[in-house]
Amino acid sequence: MPRHLPVVLAALSFAPGAPGLAAQSAADARWLADCRDRDDGWRVKHCEVRVSSLKATGDAVTVDPGKNGAVAVKGWDSDGIEVHARIQTEARSDNEAAELARGIRVVTSGTTIGVDGPESRHAASWGVSFVVFVPRHSDLKLDTYNGPIAVSEVSGRMTLTAYHGPVALRAVGGDVRARTTNGPLDIELTGARWDGAGLDAETTNGPVDLTIPEGYSAQLEFGTVNGPMTVEFPLTVTIQGRVGRRIATVLGKGGPTIRAITTNGPVAIRRN
């Protein structure tokens, strides 16, 4: 099964390591170059990045990028929030594409982040993807409609909903609920056990790829209704329903429940 997490994170261009100003500026520059290089036939593109800072109040960081946007959230050691809004417009001419971008507003209120802009038309369309850096202990509410969600190195209460797009999680903790209707789930666990209440992740149409460290302790549940399952290491399991539908097992000394389920798609459980 292909690994979706690197694809999602690469598409949203996190800077490697600690997201210092210079490193993240370089990541934004790479995104701008890639955006401008992509050819869309007869339409002209306008690409820009807007950066803003917010105060972390302790309230949930809520992000909605609109109809055609993506969200990536990464924990950092700062006590503030930094928002990188990556804006792409397409129109029939350079002037029309730039004018369309001028009509897009990044809207913030407290720790709520959104976007407002003109109606898209056949010959003119736009999208905004957010890359957001938050304190490592933060609550999140993220929603996308036609785009991916990626979260890394954050622990807190999270509600993550992608209606048509992948969800990728790496080194997260807390009380996490992740859902996508049409898209893969890609989850990479780290450490010796889950830090927090647990993970409940589910997709309706898409594969599940779960990577677990050697020696990890958890209550593990995974399954699919329509699709194969592969496990790269031995498990003692309890089967719920027919074989191939739902499996529960205890890893190591047990711990919080890690649940990763799909209705239509394969499941792969791996060691890292």
Protein backbone atom coordinates (compact mmCIF):
# COMPACT_ATOMS: atom_id res chain seq x y z
CA MET A 1 0.00 0.00 0.00
CA PRO A 2 1.34 3.46 -0.81
CA ARG A 3 2.32 5.71 2.04
CA HIS A 4 0.01 8.74 2.02
CA LEU A 5 1.45 10.69 4.97
CA PRO A 6 4.64 11.87 3.24
CA VAL A 7 2.56 12.87 0.20
CA VAL A 8 0.16 14.97 2.25
CA LEU A 9 2.86 16.63 4.32
CA ALA A 10 5.01 17.28 1.27
CA ALA A 11 2.07 18.83 -0.55
CA LEU A 12 1.53 21.21 2.34
CA SER A 13 5.30 21.81 2.67
CA PHE A 14 6.12 21.81 6.35
CA ALA A 15 9.63 23.05 6.93
CA PRO A 16 11.81 20.20 8.24
CA GLY A 17 12.63 20.26 11.93
CA ALA A 18 11.77 23.24 14.09
CA PRO A 19 9.76 25.75 12.05
CA GLY A 20 11.99 28.78 12.47
CA LEU A 21 11.30 31.87 10.40
CA ALA A 22 14.03 31.17 7.83
CA ALA A 23 13.10 27.49 7.46
CA GLN A 24 9.42 28.19 7.00
CA SER A 25 10.13 31.03 4.59
CA ALA A 26 12.10 28.52 2.51
CA ALA A 27 9.17 26.09 2.60
CA ASP A 28 6.81 28.83 1.46
CA ALA A 29 9.23 29.74 -1.33
CA ARG A 30 9.27 26.11 -2.51
CA TRP A 31 5.47 26.05 -2.50
CA LEU A 32 5.34 29.27 -4.53
CA ALA A 33 7.78 27.87 -7.10
CA ASP A 34 5.81 24.61 -7.41
CA CYS A 35 2.51 26.47 -7.63
CA ARG A 36 3.72 28.74 -10.41
CA ASP A 37 5.34 25.89 -12.34
CA ARG A 38 2.18 23.78 -12.56
CA ASP A 39 0.56 24.19 -15.97
CA ASP A 40 -3.23 24.34 -16.20
CA GLY A 41 -3.57 24.81 -19.92
CA TRP A 42 -5.39 27.98 -20.90
CA ARG A 43 -5.82 29.45 -17.41
CA VAL A 44 -3.25 31.70 -15.71
CA LYS A 45 -2.26 31.23 -12.06
CA HIS A 46 -1.57 33.69 -9.30
CA CYS A 47 0.14 32.31 -6.17
CA GLU A 48 0.95 34.11 -2.93
CA VAL A 49 1.55 33.45 0.78
CA ARG A 50 0.21 35.61 3.59
CA VAL A 51 1.61 35.16 7.10
CA SER A 52 -0.09 36.29 10.30
CA SER A 53 0.27 35.64 14.03
CA LEU A 54 -2.39 34.95 16.65
CA LYS A 55 -2.34 34.75 20.41
CA ALA A 56 -2.90 31.27 21.85
CA THR A 57 -5.75 31.73 24.35
CA GLY A 58 -6.28 28.12 25.38
CA ASP A 59 -9.40 27.85 23.22
CA ALA A 60 -9.48 25.28 20.42
CA VAL A 61 -7.71 26.31 17.24
CA THR A 62 -10.46 26.10 14.61
CA VAL A 63 -9.56 26.10 10.91
CA ASP A 64 -11.89 26.00 7.88
CA PRO A 65 -10.14 26.71 4.56
CA GLY A 66 -13.33 26.84 2.52
CA LYS A 67 -14.46 24.65 -0.34
CA ASN A 68 -11.13 23.82 -1.99
CA GLY A 69 -8.51 24.20 0.72
CA ALA A 70 -6.23 22.08 2.85
CA VAL A 71 -5.07 22.31 6.46
CA ALA A 72 -1.75 21.27 7.99
CA VAL A 73 -1.10 21.86 11.69
CA LYS A 74 2.24 21.29 13.38
CA GLY A 75 3.23 21.69 17.00
CA TRP A 76 6.13 23.96 17.90
CA ASP A 77 7.81 25.27 21.04
CA SER A 78 6.44 28.81 20.77
CA ASP A 79 3.48 29.93 22.92
CA GLY A 80 1.84 31.67 19.94
CA ILE A 81 0.13 30.65 16.70
CA GLU A 82 1.53 31.38 13.24
CA VAL A 83 -0.68 31.10 10.16
CA HIS A 84 0.63 30.70 6.63
CA ALA A 85 -2.19 31.13 4.11
CA ARG A 86 -1.20 29.77 0.70
CA ILE A 87 -3.45 31.35 -1.88
CA GLN A 88 -3.85 30.15 -5.46
CA THR A 89 -6.15 31.68 -8.06
CA GLU A 90 -6.76 30.78 -11.70
CA ALA A 91 -8.27 33.01 -14.36
CA ARG A 92 -8.01 33.92 -18.04
CA SER A 93 -5.31 36.57 -17.57
CA ASP A 94 -2.66 37.69 -15.09
CA ASN A 95 -4.70 40.75 -14.17
CA GLU A 96 -7.87 38.72 -13.56
CA ALA A 97 -5.99 36.16 -11.43
CA ALA A 98 -4.35 38.90 -9.34
CA GLU A 99 -7.67 40.73 -8.96
CA LEU A 100 -9.30 37.52 -7.77
CA ALA A 101 -6.57 37.12 -5.13
CA ARG A 102 -7.16 40.67 -3.90
CA GLY A 103 -10.76 39.71 -3.19
CA ILE A 104 -9.75 36.87 -0.84
CA ARG A 105 -9.65 37.64 2.87
CA VAL A 106 -8.10 35.51 5.58
CA VAL A 107 -10.53 35.92 8.48
CA THR A 108 -9.41 35.38 12.08
CA SER A 109 -11.25 35.81 15.36
CA GLY A 110 -9.53 34.66 18.53
CA THR A 111 -8.17 31.25 17.55
CA THR A 112 -10.65 30.71 14.69
CA ILE A 113 -9.16 30.85 11.20
CA GLY A 114 -11.15 30.96 7.97
CA VAL A 115 -11.33 32.52 4.55
CA ASP A 116 -13.78 34.60 2.55
CA GLY A 117 -13.73 35.39 -1.14
CA PRO A 118 -15.67 35.84 -4.37
CA GLU A 119 -17.74 33.12 -5.98
CA SER A 120 -15.72 30.82 -8.22
CA ARG A 121 -16.76 30.60 -11.87
CA HIS A 122 -15.85 28.30 -14.73
CA ALA A 123 -13.09 30.61 -15.92
CA ALA A 124 -12.00 31.87 -12.49
CA SER A 125 -11.44 29.83 -9.33
CA TRP A 126 -9.44 30.01 -6.11
CA GLY A 127 -8.37 28.01 -3.08
CA VAL A 128 -6.54 28.62 0.18
CA SER A 129 -4.47 26.08 2.10
CA PHE A 130 -3.41 26.83 5.66
CA VAL A 131 -0.17 25.76 7.32
CA VAL A 132 -0.58 26.54 11.01
CA PHE A 133 1.98 26.28 13.81
CA VAL A 134 0.50 25.90 17.29
CA PRO A 135 1.78 25.17 20.81
CA ARG A 136 2.38 21.44 21.19
CA HIS A 137 -0.49 21.14 23.67
CA SER A 138 -3.44 22.54 21.72
CA ASP A 139 -7.04 21.58 21.06
CA LEU A 140 -7.98 21.50 17.36
CA LYS A 141 -11.12 21.57 15.24
CA LEU A 142 -10.25 21.19 11.56
CA ASP A 143 -12.65 20.84 8.62
CA THR A 144 -11.95 20.47 4.90
CA TYR A 145 -14.31 19.77 2.03
CA ASN A 146 -12.07 18.97 -0.94
CA GLY A 147 -8.61 18.80 0.57
CA PRO A 148 -6.32 17.01 3.01
CA ILE A 149 -5.83 17.40 6.74
CA ALA A 150 -2.40 16.75 8.28
CA VAL A 151 -1.49 17.06 11.97
CA SER A 152 1.89 16.37 13.53
CA GLU A 153 3.49 16.78 16.96
CA VAL A 154 0.35 18.11 18.70
CA SER A 155 -1.48 16.70 21.72
CA GLY A 156 -4.97 17.77 22.75
CA ARG A 157 -8.67 17.33 22.13
CA MET A 158 -9.10 17.14 18.35
CA THR A 159 -12.03 16.86 15.97
CA LEU A 160 -10.75 16.40 12.41
CA THR A 161 -13.20 16.10 9.50
CA ALA A 162 -12.25 15.82 5.83
CA TYR A 163 -15.25 15.21 3.61
CA HIS A 164 -13.29 14.50 0.42
CA GLY A 165 -9.60 14.14 1.20
CA PRO A 166 -6.97 12.25 3.17
CA VAL A 167 -6.23 12.58 6.88
CA ALA A 168 -2.62 12.13 8.01
CA LEU A 169 -1.53 12.02 11.66
CA ARG A 170 2.01 11.75 13.02
CA ALA A 171 3.19 11.93 16.62
CA VAL A 172 -0.14 13.17 17.95
CA GLY A 173 -1.82 12.53 21.29
CA GLY A 174 -4.78 13.47 23.43
CA ASP A 175 -8.43 12.70 22.69
CA VAL A 176 -8.49 12.53 18.89
CA ARG A 177 -11.46 11.88 16.61
CA ALA A 178 -10.70 11.82 12.87
CA ARG A 179 -13.17 11.23 10.04
CA THR A 180 -13.07 11.30 6.26
CA THR A 181 -15.78 10.21 3.86
CA ASN A 182 -13.68 9.74 0.73
CA GLY A 183 -9.98 9.49 1.44
CA PRO A 184 -7.23 7.48 3.12
CA LEU A 185 -6.21 7.48 6.75
CA ASP A 186 -2.48 7.47 7.37
CA ILE A 187 -1.41 7.27 11.02
CA GLU A 188 2.10 7.06 12.43
CA LEU A 189 2.34 6.42 16.17
CA THR A 190 5.44 7.36 18.15
CA GLY A 191 6.79 6.68 21.62
CA ALA A 192 5.91 3.74 23.87
CA ARG A 193 2.16 4.39 24.28
CA TRP A 194 -0.56 6.89 23.46
CA ASP A 195 -0.46 10.04 25.57
CA GLY A 196 -4.10 10.86 26.29
CA ALA A 197 -7.58 9.36 26.04
CA GLY A 198 -7.10 7.63 22.70
CA LEU A 199 -7.61 7.76 18.94
CA ASP A 200 -10.83 7.08 17.02
CA ALA A 201 -10.16 7.30 13.25
CA GLU A 202 -12.51 6.19 10.50
CA THR A 203 -12.94 6.49 6.74
CA THR A 204 -15.89 5.37 4.65
CA ASN A 205 -14.13 4.99 1.30
CA GLY A 206 -10.38 4.69 1.51
CA PRO A 207 -7.45 2.66 2.83
CA VAL A 208 -6.08 2.69 6.37
CA ASP A 209 -2.32 2.65 6.91
CA LEU A 210 -1.25 2.47 10.57
CA THR A 211 2.41 2.39 11.63
CA ILE A 212 3.23 1.29 15.19
CA PRO A 213 6.64 1.37 16.91
CA GLU A 214 8.28 -1.78 18.24
CA GLY A 215 7.26 -2.35 21.88
CA TYR A 216 4.20 -0.08 21.74
CA SER A 217 1.44 -0.63 24.34
CA ALA A 218 -2.22 -0.04 23.48
CA GLN A 219 -5.67 -1.47 23.01
CA LEU A 220 -5.78 -1.79 19.22
CA GLU A 221 -8.89 -2.07 17.05
CA PHE A 222 -8.83 -2.14 13.27
CA GLY A 223 -10.97 -3.49 10.47
CA THR A 224 -12.68 -3.20 7.12
CA VAL A 225 -15.99 -4.33 5.65
CA ASN A 226 -14.84 -4.57 2.03
CA GLY A 227 -11.11 -5.01 1.60
CA PRO A 228 -8.07 -7.05 2.62
CA MET A 229 -6.07 -6.64 5.82
CA THR A 230 -2.34 -7.12 6.25
CA VAL A 231 -0.35 -7.12 9.50
CA GLU A 232 3.45 -7.09 9.40
CA PHE A 233 3.95 -8.65 12.85
CA PRO A 234 2.30 -11.43 14.92
CA LEU A 235 -0.85 -10.58 16.92
CA THR A 236 -3.11 -12.41 19.33
CA VAL A 237 -6.53 -11.20 18.24
CA THR A 238 -10.22 -11.24 19.08
CA ILE A 239 -12.36 -11.28 15.94
CA GLN A 240 -15.66 -9.39 15.91
CA GLY A 241 -18.03 -10.49 13.13
CA ARG A 242 -16.78 -12.38 10.11
CA VAL A 243 -13.06 -12.70 9.55
CA GLY A 244 -11.72 -9.58 7.89
CA ARG A 245 -14.28 -7.21 9.38
CA ARG A 246 -13.10 -6.10 12.84
CA ILE A 247 -10.12 -7.18 14.95
CA ALA A 248 -9.24 -6.23 18.52
CA THR A 249 -5.99 -6.97 20.33
CA VAL A 250 -3.82 -5.84 23.22
CA LEU A 251 -0.34 -4.62 22.39
CA GLY A 252 2.29 -4.86 25.11
CA LYS A 253 0.85 -3.79 28.48
CA GLY A 254 -2.30 -2.33 26.97
CA GLY A 255 -3.34 1.27 27.28
CA PRO A 256 -5.64 3.78 25.59
CA THR A 257 -7.61 2.52 22.59
CA ILE A 258 -6.25 3.11 19.11
CA ARG A 259 -9.10 2.56 16.63
CA ALA A 260 -8.62 2.74 12.85
CA ILE A 261 -11.50 1.57 10.66
CA THR A 262 -12.58 1.68 7.02
CA THR A 263 -15.76 0.52 5.33
CA ASN A 264 -14.49 0.21 1.77
CA GLY A 265 -10.74 -0.22 1.51
CA PRO A 266 -7.70 -2.21 2.62
CA VAL A 267 -6.03 -2.00 6.03
CA ALA A 268 -2.27 -2.26 6.61
CA ILE A 269 -0.70 -2.43 10.08
CA ARG A 270 3.06 -1.85 10.01
CA ARG A 271 6.11 -1.58 12.27
CA ASN A 272 8.37 1.45 12.04
